[in-house]
Amino acid sequence: RKAFDIKAHKKTPLTLFRSSSAVTILDPCCLLLFDCLPRRSSLILFAATMSDDEHHFESSDAGASKTYPQQAGTIRKSGYIVIKGRPCKVVEVSTSKTGKHGHAKCHFVAIDIFTSKKLEDIVPSSHNCDVPHVNRTDYQLIDISEDGYVSLLTDNGSTKDDLKLPTDGDLLQQIKSGFEDGKDLVVSVMSAMGEEQINALKDISGAK
């Protein structure tokens, strides 16, 4: 990479690093697009300047990505994968070859971690798949509303009130009966790709 010291609008010093045929630089005073032509050719410069009272830049940071790429051939059983836009847990994976010159392909059978729906996908083993970031957080259960929402105690002492009781029949009954019996219950909340759901329960009444 070669560095060029240049002067921009209102004598603002910039440094341009060339790593390809075209480089874009964003500066509080100007936007510069350099189209670097072959040696001994001209250099074309486009500049869009802003006045002093228009230097307002807003960042639209969407936060951490909901998924990350992983090569299909490295994803194993009990791992996670995104199939048809849904976060899934892999329950079966097999690898096969198609034709004499075909590439190895991975056949994934997975279960949606929120709906328990079975999904399948076939991906070349050398290609990347989207893998969801799956997190689990424990909260103490402090109340259950009449409309099925739970009130959970967070680590900082505030309450989380935007989750409903799980749809799984056995887990739902365990939570309801334990709460009615006055037990100290901790629920595990699984989150991925913007969704959350209670997926486990622990009785800590005897732990005190």
N, C-alpha and C. Protein backbone atom coordinates (compact mmCIF):
# COMPACT_ATOMS: atom_id res chain seq x y z
N ARG A 1 0.85 -1.20 0.00
CA ARG A 1 0.00 0.00 0.00
C ARG A 1 0.88 1.24 0.00
N LYS A 2 0.55 2.20 -0.86
CA LYS A 2 1.33 3.41 -0.96
C LYS A 2 0.54 4.58 -0.42
N ALA A 3 1.17 5.40 0.37
CA ALA A 3 0.48 6.53 0.99
C ALA A 3 0.78 7.81 0.24
N PHE A 4 -0.23 8.66 0.07
CA PHE A 4 -0.07 9.94 -0.58
C PHE A 4 -0.54 11.02 0.39
N ASP A 5 0.28 12.02 0.68
CA ASP A 5 -0.13 13.16 1.48
C ASP A 5 -0.73 14.19 0.54
N ILE A 6 -1.97 14.57 0.80
CA ILE A 6 -2.65 15.50 -0.09
C ILE A 6 -3.27 16.62 0.72
N LYS A 7 -3.72 17.66 0.04
CA LYS A 7 -4.41 18.77 0.67
C LYS A 7 -5.84 18.81 0.16
N ALA A 8 -6.80 18.91 1.05
CA ALA A 8 -8.20 18.90 0.67
C ALA A 8 -8.81 20.28 0.84
N HIS A 9 -10.11 20.33 0.79
CA HIS A 9 -10.84 21.58 0.93
C HIS A 9 -10.45 22.29 2.21
N LYS A 10 -10.22 23.60 2.13
CA LYS A 10 -9.82 24.43 3.27
C LYS A 10 -8.52 23.95 3.89
N LYS A 11 -7.64 23.40 3.07
CA LYS A 11 -6.31 23.00 3.50
C LYS A 11 -6.35 21.95 4.61
N THR A 12 -7.34 21.09 4.56
CA THR A 12 -7.42 20.00 5.54
C THR A 12 -6.52 18.86 5.10
N PRO A 13 -5.48 18.49 5.87
CA PRO A 13 -4.58 17.42 5.45
C PRO A 13 -5.23 16.05 5.56
N LEU A 14 -5.06 15.24 4.51
CA LEU A 14 -5.57 13.88 4.50
C LEU A 14 -4.46 12.94 4.07
N THR A 15 -4.60 11.68 4.37
CA THR A 15 -3.67 10.67 3.88
C THR A 15 -4.46 9.63 3.12
N LEU A 16 -4.06 9.38 1.88
CA LEU A 16 -4.74 8.42 1.02
C LEU A 16 -3.91 7.16 0.92
N PHE A 17 -4.51 6.01 1.20
CA PHE A 17 -3.84 4.73 1.05
C PHE A 17 -4.43 4.02 -0.16
N ARG A 18 -3.57 3.67 -1.10
CA ARG A 18 -4.04 3.00 -2.31
C ARG A 18 -3.80 1.50 -2.19
N SER A 19 -4.88 0.71 -2.24
CA SER A 19 -4.76 -0.73 -2.22
C SER A 19 -5.43 -1.37 -3.42
N SER A 20 -6.09 -0.56 -4.26
CA SER A 20 -6.74 -1.05 -5.47
C SER A 20 -6.83 0.10 -6.45
N SER A 21 -7.57 -0.09 -7.51
CA SER A 21 -7.64 0.93 -8.55
C SER A 21 -8.48 2.13 -8.14
N ALA A 22 -9.30 1.97 -7.11
CA ALA A 22 -10.13 3.08 -6.68
C ALA A 22 -10.17 3.12 -5.16
N VAL A 23 -10.12 4.31 -4.59
CA VAL A 23 -10.10 4.47 -3.14
C VAL A 23 -11.06 5.58 -2.77
N THR A 24 -11.83 5.39 -1.73
CA THR A 24 -12.75 6.41 -1.25
C THR A 24 -12.34 6.87 0.14
N ILE A 25 -12.33 8.17 0.37
CA ILE A 25 -11.98 8.73 1.68
C ILE A 25 -13.13 9.60 2.15
N LEU A 26 -13.55 9.39 3.37
CA LEU A 26 -14.60 10.22 3.95
C LEU A 26 -13.98 11.08 5.03
N ASP A 27 -14.10 12.39 4.92
CA ASP A 27 -13.51 13.34 5.85
C ASP A 27 -14.59 14.29 6.32
N PRO A 28 -14.50 14.83 7.54
CA PRO A 28 -15.52 15.78 8.01
C PRO A 28 -15.71 16.96 7.10
N CYS A 29 -14.74 17.29 6.24
CA CYS A 29 -14.87 18.45 5.37
C CYS A 29 -15.20 18.09 3.93
N CYS A 30 -14.84 16.90 3.49
CA CYS A 30 -15.13 16.59 2.09
C CYS A 30 -15.10 15.10 1.84
N LEU A 31 -15.78 14.73 0.77
CA LEU A 31 -15.79 13.34 0.33
C LEU A 31 -14.98 13.26 -0.94
N LEU A 32 -13.94 12.47 -0.94
CA LEU A 32 -13.04 12.40 -2.08
C LEU A 32 -13.09 11.03 -2.71
N LEU A 33 -13.25 10.98 -4.01
CA LEU A 33 -13.20 9.72 -4.74
C LEU A 33 -12.08 9.81 -5.75
N PHE A 34 -11.06 8.97 -5.57
CA PHE A 34 -9.92 8.96 -6.48
C PHE A 34 -10.01 7.75 -7.39
N ASP A 35 -9.95 8.00 -8.67
CA ASP A 35 -9.86 6.91 -9.63
C ASP A 35 -8.42 6.89 -10.12
N CYS A 36 -7.63 5.97 -9.59
CA CYS A 36 -6.20 5.94 -9.89
C CYS A 36 -5.96 5.25 -11.23
N LEU A 37 -5.54 6.01 -12.18
CA LEU A 37 -5.31 5.49 -13.52
C LEU A 37 -3.89 4.94 -13.63
N PRO A 38 -3.54 4.25 -14.74
CA PRO A 38 -2.18 3.70 -14.91
C PRO A 38 -1.12 4.78 -14.82
N ARG A 39 0.11 4.35 -14.59
CA ARG A 39 1.24 5.26 -14.44
C ARG A 39 1.33 6.20 -15.64
N ARG A 40 1.71 7.44 -15.33
CA ARG A 40 1.88 8.49 -16.32
C ARG A 40 0.56 8.92 -16.95
N SER A 41 -0.55 8.53 -16.33
CA SER A 41 -1.85 9.00 -16.79
C SER A 41 -2.38 10.01 -15.79
N SER A 42 -3.47 10.64 -16.14
CA SER A 42 -4.02 11.69 -15.27
C SER A 42 -4.73 11.09 -14.08
N LEU A 43 -4.96 11.88 -13.04
CA LEU A 43 -5.65 11.48 -11.82
C LEU A 43 -6.95 12.26 -11.73
N ILE A 44 -8.07 11.56 -11.71
CA ILE A 44 -9.37 12.22 -11.71
C ILE A 44 -9.87 12.36 -10.27
N LEU A 45 -10.27 13.55 -9.88
CA LEU A 45 -10.69 13.84 -8.51
C LEU A 45 -12.09 14.44 -8.52
N PHE A 46 -12.97 13.85 -7.74
CA PHE A 46 -14.29 14.40 -7.53
C PHE A 46 -14.38 14.80 -6.07
N ALA A 47 -14.81 16.00 -5.77
CA ALA A 47 -14.91 16.45 -4.38
C ALA A 47 -16.27 17.07 -4.14
N ALA A 48 -16.89 16.68 -3.04
CA ALA A 48 -18.15 17.28 -2.63
C ALA A 48 -17.93 17.90 -1.28
N THR A 49 -17.97 19.20 -1.21
CA THR A 49 -17.64 19.90 0.03
C THR A 49 -18.90 20.34 0.73
N MET A 50 -18.73 20.59 2.04
CA MET A 50 -19.84 21.02 2.86
C MET A 50 -19.42 22.29 3.58
N SER A 51 -20.37 23.16 3.87
CA SER A 51 -20.06 24.37 4.59
C SER A 51 -19.84 24.05 6.06
N ASP A 52 -19.26 25.00 6.78
CA ASP A 52 -18.92 24.79 8.19
C ASP A 52 -20.13 24.43 9.03
N ASP A 53 -21.31 24.99 8.68
CA ASP A 53 -22.49 24.75 9.51
C ASP A 53 -23.27 23.53 9.03
N GLU A 54 -22.69 22.71 8.12
CA GLU A 54 -23.37 21.52 7.65
C GLU A 54 -22.62 20.26 8.01
N HIS A 55 -21.66 20.38 8.92
CA HIS A 55 -20.85 19.21 9.28
C HIS A 55 -21.56 18.36 10.32
N HIS A 56 -22.63 17.71 9.90
CA HIS A 56 -23.40 16.87 10.81
C HIS A 56 -23.42 15.46 10.26
N PHE A 57 -22.79 14.52 10.97
CA PHE A 57 -22.76 13.14 10.54
C PHE A 57 -23.44 12.28 11.58
N GLU A 58 -24.39 11.45 11.16
CA GLU A 58 -25.10 10.58 12.07
C GLU A 58 -24.70 9.14 11.81
N SER A 59 -24.44 8.42 12.85
CA SER A 59 -24.06 7.02 12.72
C SER A 59 -25.28 6.15 12.92
N SER A 60 -25.47 5.20 12.02
CA SER A 60 -26.60 4.26 12.14
C SER A 60 -26.06 2.88 12.47
N ASP A 61 -25.36 2.77 13.56
CA ASP A 61 -24.76 1.50 13.97
C ASP A 61 -25.85 0.54 14.41
N ALA A 62 -25.94 -0.58 13.72
CA ALA A 62 -27.00 -1.54 14.03
C ALA A 62 -26.59 -2.52 15.11
N GLY A 63 -25.42 -2.30 15.68
CA GLY A 63 -24.95 -3.20 16.73
C GLY A 63 -24.32 -4.45 16.15
N ALA A 64 -24.08 -5.42 17.02
CA ALA A 64 -23.42 -6.64 16.58
C ALA A 64 -24.29 -7.41 15.61
N SER A 65 -23.65 -8.12 14.71
CA SER A 65 -24.37 -8.92 13.73
C SER A 65 -25.11 -10.06 14.42
N LYS A 66 -26.27 -10.42 13.85
CA LYS A 66 -27.06 -11.52 14.42
C LYS A 66 -26.50 -12.88 14.03
N THR A 67 -25.65 -12.91 12.98
CA THR A 67 -25.07 -14.17 12.52
C THR A 67 -23.60 -13.98 12.20
N TYR A 68 -22.91 -15.09 11.98
CA TYR A 68 -21.53 -15.05 11.51
C TYR A 68 -21.33 -16.18 10.51
N PRO A 69 -20.40 -16.03 9.56
CA PRO A 69 -20.20 -17.07 8.54
C PRO A 69 -19.35 -18.23 9.05
N GLN A 70 -19.68 -19.42 8.63
CA GLN A 70 -18.90 -20.61 8.97
C GLN A 70 -18.99 -21.59 7.80
N GLN A 71 -17.86 -22.17 7.46
CA GLN A 71 -17.82 -23.11 6.34
C GLN A 71 -18.73 -24.31 6.64
N ALA A 72 -19.53 -24.68 5.65
CA ALA A 72 -20.52 -25.74 5.85
C ALA A 72 -19.90 -27.05 6.31
N GLY A 73 -18.73 -27.38 5.77
CA GLY A 73 -18.09 -28.64 6.12
C GLY A 73 -17.60 -28.72 7.55
N THR A 74 -17.58 -27.60 8.27
CA THR A 74 -17.11 -27.60 9.66
C THR A 74 -18.26 -27.58 10.67
N ILE A 75 -19.49 -27.49 10.19
CA ILE A 75 -20.65 -27.46 11.08
C ILE A 75 -21.03 -28.89 11.46
N ARG A 76 -21.12 -29.16 12.74
CA ARG A 76 -21.37 -30.51 13.23
C ARG A 76 -22.75 -30.64 13.88
N LYS A 77 -23.10 -31.87 14.18
CA LYS A 77 -24.33 -32.15 14.91
C LYS A 77 -24.31 -31.43 16.25
N SER A 78 -25.44 -30.88 16.66
CA SER A 78 -25.63 -30.09 17.88
C SER A 78 -25.12 -28.66 17.72
N GLY A 79 -24.57 -28.34 16.54
CA GLY A 79 -24.19 -26.96 16.27
C GLY A 79 -25.40 -26.17 15.79
N TYR A 80 -25.18 -24.92 15.43
CA TYR A 80 -26.29 -24.07 14.99
C TYR A 80 -26.09 -23.64 13.54
N ILE A 81 -27.20 -23.37 12.86
CA ILE A 81 -27.17 -22.94 11.48
C ILE A 81 -28.45 -22.17 11.19
N VAL A 82 -28.39 -21.26 10.22
CA VAL A 82 -29.59 -20.54 9.78
C VAL A 82 -30.11 -21.21 8.51
N ILE A 83 -31.36 -21.68 8.54
CA ILE A 83 -32.00 -22.28 7.38
C ILE A 83 -33.31 -21.54 7.11
N LYS A 84 -33.44 -21.04 5.90
CA LYS A 84 -34.64 -20.28 5.50
C LYS A 84 -34.91 -19.12 6.44
N GLY A 85 -33.82 -18.49 6.88
CA GLY A 85 -33.94 -17.31 7.73
C GLY A 85 -34.25 -17.60 9.18
N ARG A 86 -34.20 -18.88 9.59
CA ARG A 86 -34.55 -19.25 10.95
C ARG A 86 -33.33 -19.84 11.67
N PRO A 87 -33.16 -19.49 12.96
CA PRO A 87 -32.06 -20.07 13.75
C PRO A 87 -32.40 -21.51 14.13
N CYS A 88 -31.51 -22.43 13.79
CA CYS A 88 -31.79 -23.85 14.01
C CYS A 88 -30.63 -24.55 14.70
N LYS A 89 -30.96 -25.67 15.36
CA LYS A 89 -29.95 -26.55 15.93
C LYS A 89 -29.86 -27.80 15.06
N VAL A 90 -28.64 -28.14 14.67
CA VAL A 90 -28.43 -29.26 13.77
C VAL A 90 -28.62 -30.57 14.52
N VAL A 91 -29.48 -31.44 13.98
CA VAL A 91 -29.70 -32.75 14.60
C VAL A 91 -29.11 -33.88 13.76
N GLU A 92 -28.81 -33.56 12.49
CA GLU A 92 -28.20 -34.57 11.62
C GLU A 92 -27.47 -33.87 10.49
N VAL A 93 -26.27 -34.34 10.17
CA VAL A 93 -25.52 -33.78 9.05
C VAL A 93 -24.80 -34.92 8.33
N SER A 94 -24.89 -34.94 7.01
CA SER A 94 -24.20 -35.95 6.22
C SER A 94 -23.54 -35.27 5.03
N THR A 95 -22.43 -35.86 4.56
CA THR A 95 -21.69 -35.29 3.44
C THR A 95 -21.67 -36.29 2.29
N SER A 96 -21.96 -35.82 1.09
CA SER A 96 -21.97 -36.69 -0.08
C SER A 96 -21.40 -35.95 -1.28
N LYS A 97 -21.01 -36.71 -2.30
CA LYS A 97 -20.49 -36.11 -3.53
C LYS A 97 -21.50 -36.34 -4.65
N THR A 98 -21.59 -35.38 -5.55
CA THR A 98 -22.54 -35.48 -6.66
C THR A 98 -21.78 -35.52 -7.98
N GLY A 99 -21.80 -36.66 -8.66
CA GLY A 99 -21.16 -36.77 -9.97
C GLY A 99 -19.65 -36.91 -9.88
N LYS A 100 -19.04 -37.17 -11.04
CA LYS A 100 -17.60 -37.42 -11.11
C LYS A 100 -16.80 -36.19 -10.71
N HIS A 101 -17.24 -35.03 -11.16
CA HIS A 101 -16.51 -33.80 -10.87
C HIS A 101 -17.28 -32.91 -9.89
N GLY A 102 -18.24 -33.48 -9.23
CA GLY A 102 -19.05 -32.68 -8.31
C GLY A 102 -18.33 -32.35 -7.03
N HIS A 103 -18.79 -31.31 -6.38
CA HIS A 103 -18.23 -30.89 -5.10
C HIS A 103 -18.96 -31.61 -3.96
N ALA A 104 -18.23 -31.85 -2.89
CA ALA A 104 -18.87 -32.46 -1.71
C ALA A 104 -19.96 -31.52 -1.20
N LYS A 105 -21.09 -32.12 -0.83
CA LYS A 105 -22.20 -31.31 -0.33
C LYS A 105 -22.64 -31.83 1.04
N CYS A 106 -23.05 -30.88 1.88
CA CYS A 106 -23.52 -31.20 3.23
C CYS A 106 -25.04 -31.12 3.27
N HIS A 107 -25.64 -32.17 3.79
CA HIS A 107 -27.09 -32.21 3.97
C HIS A 107 -27.39 -32.01 5.45
N PHE A 108 -28.04 -30.89 5.76
CA PHE A 108 -28.34 -30.57 7.16
C PHE A 108 -29.81 -30.81 7.46
N VAL A 109 -30.05 -31.49 8.57
CA VAL A 109 -31.39 -31.61 9.14
C VAL A 109 -31.34 -30.90 10.48
N ALA A 110 -32.21 -29.92 10.67
CA ALA A 110 -32.13 -29.09 11.87
C ALA A 110 -33.52 -28.77 12.40
N ILE A 111 -33.55 -28.32 13.65
CA ILE A 111 -34.80 -27.96 14.32
C ILE A 111 -34.76 -26.49 14.71
N ASP A 112 -35.79 -25.75 14.32
CA ASP A 112 -35.91 -24.34 14.69
C ASP A 112 -35.88 -24.25 16.22
N ILE A 113 -34.98 -23.46 16.77
CA ILE A 113 -34.81 -23.42 18.23
C ILE A 113 -35.97 -22.75 18.94
N PHE A 114 -36.84 -22.05 18.20
CA PHE A 114 -37.98 -21.40 18.83
C PHE A 114 -39.32 -22.08 18.53
N THR A 115 -39.46 -22.61 17.33
CA THR A 115 -40.75 -23.23 16.95
C THR A 115 -40.71 -24.75 16.95
N SER A 116 -39.50 -25.33 17.03
CA SER A 116 -39.29 -26.79 16.96
C SER A 116 -39.64 -27.37 15.60
N LYS A 117 -39.78 -26.53 14.58
CA LYS A 117 -40.08 -27.00 13.24
C LYS A 117 -38.84 -27.59 12.60
N LYS A 118 -39.00 -28.70 11.90
CA LYS A 118 -37.89 -29.36 11.23
C LYS A 118 -37.61 -28.69 9.89
N LEU A 119 -36.33 -28.37 9.64
CA LEU A 119 -35.93 -27.74 8.39
C LEU A 119 -34.71 -28.47 7.83
N GLU A 120 -34.55 -28.43 6.51
CA GLU A 120 -33.43 -29.10 5.86
C GLU A 120 -32.79 -28.18 4.83
N ASP A 121 -31.50 -28.41 4.58
CA ASP A 121 -30.80 -27.62 3.58
C ASP A 121 -29.61 -28.43 3.07
N ILE A 122 -29.24 -28.21 1.80
CA ILE A 122 -28.06 -28.84 1.20
C ILE A 122 -27.14 -27.74 0.71
N VAL A 123 -25.90 -27.76 1.20
CA VAL A 123 -24.94 -26.70 0.90
C VAL A 123 -23.60 -27.32 0.52
N PRO A 124 -22.92 -26.81 -0.53
CA PRO A 124 -21.56 -27.28 -0.83
C PRO A 124 -20.67 -27.12 0.39
N SER A 125 -19.87 -28.13 0.70
CA SER A 125 -19.09 -28.13 1.93
C SER A 125 -18.10 -26.99 2.02
N SER A 126 -17.68 -26.46 0.87
CA SER A 126 -16.69 -25.37 0.88
C SER A 126 -17.34 -23.99 0.99
N HIS A 127 -18.65 -23.93 0.92
CA HIS A 127 -19.36 -22.65 1.00
C HIS A 127 -19.64 -22.27 2.46
N ASN A 128 -19.80 -20.98 2.68
CA ASN A 128 -20.11 -20.50 4.02
C ASN A 128 -21.62 -20.52 4.28
N CYS A 129 -21.97 -20.86 5.49
CA CYS A 129 -23.36 -20.78 5.96
C CYS A 129 -23.45 -19.69 7.02
N ASP A 130 -24.64 -19.14 7.19
CA ASP A 130 -24.88 -18.22 8.30
C ASP A 130 -25.14 -19.03 9.56
N VAL A 131 -24.45 -18.67 10.63
CA VAL A 131 -24.63 -19.32 11.92
C VAL A 131 -25.11 -18.27 12.92
N PRO A 132 -26.20 -18.52 13.64
CA PRO A 132 -26.72 -17.50 14.56
C PRO A 132 -25.91 -17.41 15.85
N HIS A 133 -25.85 -16.20 16.38
CA HIS A 133 -25.31 -16.03 17.73
C HIS A 133 -26.43 -16.42 18.70
N VAL A 134 -26.22 -17.49 19.45
CA VAL A 134 -27.24 -17.97 20.39
C VAL A 134 -26.74 -17.72 21.81
N ASN A 135 -27.54 -17.02 22.59
CA ASN A 135 -27.17 -16.70 23.97
C ASN A 135 -28.23 -17.21 24.94
N ARG A 136 -27.78 -17.54 26.14
CA ARG A 136 -28.70 -17.96 27.21
C ARG A 136 -28.45 -17.11 28.45
N THR A 137 -29.52 -16.62 29.03
CA THR A 137 -29.42 -15.78 30.23
C THR A 137 -30.41 -16.28 31.26
N ASP A 138 -29.97 -16.36 32.51
CA ASP A 138 -30.83 -16.81 33.60
C ASP A 138 -31.45 -15.61 34.32
N TYR A 139 -32.74 -15.73 34.64
CA TYR A 139 -33.45 -14.69 35.39
C TYR A 139 -34.28 -15.37 36.48
N GLN A 140 -34.45 -14.66 37.61
CA GLN A 140 -35.33 -15.18 38.65
C GLN A 140 -36.77 -14.76 38.33
N LEU A 141 -37.67 -15.72 38.42
CA LEU A 141 -39.08 -15.46 38.14
C LEU A 141 -39.72 -14.81 39.37
N ILE A 142 -40.36 -13.65 39.17
CA ILE A 142 -40.98 -12.97 40.31
C ILE A 142 -42.49 -12.83 40.17
N ASP A 143 -43.01 -12.99 38.96
CA ASP A 143 -44.47 -12.88 38.83
C ASP A 143 -44.92 -13.42 37.47
N ILE A 144 -46.19 -13.84 37.43
CA ILE A 144 -46.82 -14.26 36.18
C ILE A 144 -48.14 -13.52 36.08
N SER A 145 -48.34 -12.78 34.99
CA SER A 145 -49.57 -12.00 34.83
C SER A 145 -50.70 -12.89 34.28
N GLU A 146 -51.92 -12.36 34.35
CA GLU A 146 -53.08 -13.11 33.90
C GLU A 146 -53.06 -13.36 32.39
N ASP A 147 -52.39 -12.46 31.64
CA ASP A 147 -52.34 -12.62 30.19
C ASP A 147 -51.14 -13.44 29.72
N GLY A 148 -50.45 -14.08 30.68
CA GLY A 148 -49.39 -15.01 30.31
C GLY A 148 -48.00 -14.43 30.23
N TYR A 149 -47.84 -13.17 30.57
CA TYR A 149 -46.50 -12.57 30.57
C TYR A 149 -45.82 -12.82 31.92
N VAL A 150 -44.50 -12.95 31.89
CA VAL A 150 -43.75 -13.18 33.12
C VAL A 150 -42.95 -11.92 33.47
N SER A 151 -42.72 -11.75 34.74
CA SER A 151 -41.88 -10.66 35.22
C SER A 151 -40.61 -11.30 35.78
N LEU A 152 -39.48 -10.90 35.23
CA LEU A 152 -38.19 -11.51 35.58
C LEU A 152 -37.26 -10.49 36.20
N LEU A 153 -36.47 -10.93 37.17
CA LEU A 153 -35.52 -10.05 37.84
C LEU A 153 -34.16 -10.15 37.17
N THR A 154 -33.63 -9.00 36.74
CA THR A 154 -32.33 -8.98 36.08
C THR A 154 -31.21 -8.80 37.09
N ASP A 155 -29.97 -8.92 36.64
CA ASP A 155 -28.82 -8.80 37.52
C ASP A 155 -28.69 -7.41 38.14
N ASN A 156 -29.15 -6.38 37.42
CA ASN A 156 -29.01 -5.02 37.95
C ASN A 156 -30.20 -4.58 38.81
N GLY A 157 -31.11 -5.53 39.08
CA GLY A 157 -32.22 -5.22 39.98
C GLY A 157 -33.48 -4.72 39.30
N SER A 158 -33.43 -4.53 37.97
CA SER A 158 -34.63 -4.09 37.25
C SER A 158 -35.44 -5.31 36.83
N THR A 159 -36.60 -5.07 36.26
CA THR A 159 -37.44 -6.20 35.83
C THR A 159 -37.54 -6.25 34.32
N LYS A 160 -37.69 -7.45 33.82
CA LYS A 160 -37.90 -7.70 32.39
C LYS A 160 -39.30 -8.26 32.24
N ASP A 161 -40.15 -7.53 31.52
CA ASP A 161 -41.57 -7.88 31.48
C ASP A 161 -42.11 -8.11 30.08
N ASP A 162 -41.24 -8.39 29.11
CA ASP A 162 -41.69 -8.50 27.72
C ASP A 162 -41.75 -9.94 27.20
N LEU A 163 -41.60 -10.91 28.08
CA LEU A 163 -41.63 -12.31 27.65
C LEU A 163 -42.91 -13.00 28.11
N LYS A 164 -43.40 -13.89 27.25
CA LYS A 164 -44.58 -14.68 27.62
C LYS A 164 -44.12 -16.07 28.09
N LEU A 165 -45.03 -16.76 28.72
CA LEU A 165 -44.75 -18.13 29.12
C LEU A 165 -44.46 -18.98 27.89
N PRO A 166 -43.64 -20.02 28.02
CA PRO A 166 -43.31 -20.87 26.86
C PRO A 166 -44.53 -21.64 26.38
N THR A 167 -44.48 -22.04 25.11
CA THR A 167 -45.58 -22.81 24.54
C THR A 167 -45.43 -24.31 24.79
N ASP A 168 -44.24 -24.73 25.16
CA ASP A 168 -44.00 -26.15 25.47
C ASP A 168 -44.86 -26.55 26.67
N GLY A 169 -45.70 -27.54 26.49
CA GLY A 169 -46.67 -27.91 27.52
C GLY A 169 -46.05 -28.32 28.83
N ASP A 170 -45.05 -29.18 28.82
CA ASP A 170 -44.42 -29.67 30.05
C ASP A 170 -43.73 -28.54 30.80
N LEU A 171 -42.96 -27.72 30.08
CA LEU A 171 -42.24 -26.62 30.72
C LEU A 171 -43.22 -25.59 31.27
N LEU A 172 -44.28 -25.32 30.53
CA LEU A 172 -45.31 -24.38 30.97
C LEU A 172 -45.92 -24.84 32.28
N GLN A 173 -46.27 -26.12 32.38
CA GLN A 173 -46.89 -26.64 33.59
C GLN A 173 -45.93 -26.61 34.77
N GLN A 174 -44.66 -26.90 34.53
CA GLN A 174 -43.67 -26.87 35.60
C GLN A 174 -43.51 -25.46 36.17
N ILE A 175 -43.51 -24.47 35.28
CA ILE A 175 -43.37 -23.08 35.73
C ILE A 175 -44.59 -22.66 36.53
N LYS A 176 -45.76 -22.94 36.01
CA LYS A 176 -46.99 -22.53 36.70
C LYS A 176 -47.14 -23.21 38.06
N SER A 177 -46.93 -24.51 38.11
CA SER A 177 -47.11 -25.23 39.37
C SER A 177 -46.04 -24.83 40.38
N GLY A 178 -44.82 -24.64 39.93
CA GLY A 178 -43.75 -24.22 40.84
C GLY A 178 -44.00 -22.84 41.41
N PHE A 179 -44.50 -21.92 40.57
CA PHE A 179 -44.79 -20.56 41.03
C PHE A 179 -45.95 -20.57 42.03
N GLU A 180 -46.98 -21.36 41.75
CA GLU A 180 -48.12 -21.45 42.65
C GLU A 180 -47.74 -22.06 44.00
N ASP A 181 -46.73 -22.92 44.00
CA ASP A 181 -46.27 -23.54 45.24
C ASP A 181 -45.30 -22.63 46.01
N GLY A 182 -45.02 -21.45 45.46
CA GLY A 182 -44.14 -20.51 46.15
C GLY A 182 -42.66 -20.84 46.06
N LYS A 183 -42.27 -21.63 45.08
CA LYS A 183 -40.86 -22.00 44.93
C LYS A 183 -40.06 -20.85 44.30
N ASP A 184 -38.77 -20.82 44.63
CA ASP A 184 -37.87 -19.85 44.00
C ASP A 184 -37.40 -20.45 42.68
N LEU A 185 -37.86 -19.85 41.59
CA LEU A 185 -37.58 -20.41 40.27
C LEU A 185 -36.68 -19.50 39.45
N VAL A 186 -35.76 -20.11 38.73
CA VAL A 186 -34.90 -19.39 37.78
C VAL A 186 -35.18 -19.96 36.40
N VAL A 187 -35.51 -19.06 35.46
CA VAL A 187 -35.77 -19.50 34.09
C VAL A 187 -34.59 -19.13 33.21
N SER A 188 -34.32 -19.99 32.25
CA SER A 188 -33.26 -19.74 31.28
C SER A 188 -33.90 -19.23 29.99
N VAL A 189 -33.44 -18.07 29.52
CA VAL A 189 -33.99 -17.45 28.32
C VAL A 189 -32.98 -17.56 27.19
N MET A 190 -33.40 -18.17 26.12
CA MET A 190 -32.54 -18.29 24.94
C MET A 190 -32.88 -17.18 23.96
N SER A 191 -31.84 -16.55 23.40
CA SER A 191 -32.06 -15.46 22.44
C SER A 191 -31.20 -15.67 21.21
N ALA A 192 -31.76 -15.35 20.05
CA ALA A 192 -31.04 -15.44 18.79
C ALA A 192 -31.79 -14.68 17.72
N MET A 193 -31.07 -13.93 16.91
CA MET A 193 -31.65 -13.23 15.76
C MET A 193 -32.87 -12.38 16.11
N GLY A 194 -32.80 -11.72 17.26
CA GLY A 194 -33.87 -10.80 17.65
C GLY A 194 -35.05 -11.45 18.35
N GLU A 195 -35.00 -12.76 18.58
CA GLU A 195 -36.09 -13.45 19.28
C GLU A 195 -35.61 -13.98 20.63
N GLU A 196 -36.55 -14.11 21.55
CA GLU A 196 -36.25 -14.64 22.88
C GLU A 196 -37.35 -15.61 23.29
N GLN A 197 -36.94 -16.60 24.10
CA GLN A 197 -37.94 -17.56 24.59
C GLN A 197 -37.40 -18.31 25.81
N ILE A 198 -38.28 -18.54 26.77
CA ILE A 198 -37.90 -19.34 27.94
C ILE A 198 -37.78 -20.80 27.50
N ASN A 199 -36.65 -21.41 27.81
CA ASN A 199 -36.45 -22.79 27.35
C ASN A 199 -36.03 -23.76 28.45
N ALA A 200 -35.86 -23.25 29.69
CA ALA A 200 -35.47 -24.16 30.77
C ALA A 200 -35.87 -23.54 32.11
N LEU A 201 -35.95 -24.40 33.12
CA LEU A 201 -36.37 -23.98 34.46
C LEU A 201 -35.51 -24.67 35.51
N LYS A 202 -35.20 -23.90 36.57
CA LYS A 202 -34.42 -24.46 37.66
C LYS A 202 -35.02 -24.00 38.98
N ASP A 203 -35.20 -24.95 39.90
CA ASP A 203 -35.73 -24.66 41.22
C ASP A 203 -34.54 -24.44 42.18
N ILE A 204 -34.42 -23.21 42.72
CA ILE A 204 -33.30 -22.91 43.61
C ILE A 204 -33.77 -22.76 45.06
N SER A 205 -34.95 -23.26 45.37
CA SER A 205 -35.50 -23.11 46.72
C SER A 205 -34.57 -23.74 47.77
N GLY A 206 -34.00 -24.89 47.46
CA GLY A 206 -33.15 -25.56 48.44
C GLY A 206 -31.71 -25.11 48.41
N ALA A 207 -31.39 -24.15 47.53
CA ALA A 207 -30.00 -23.72 47.40
C ALA A 207 -29.63 -22.63 48.39
N LYS A 208 -30.64 -22.06 49.05
CA LYS A 208 -30.36 -20.97 49.98
C LYS A 208 -29.93 -21.49 51.36
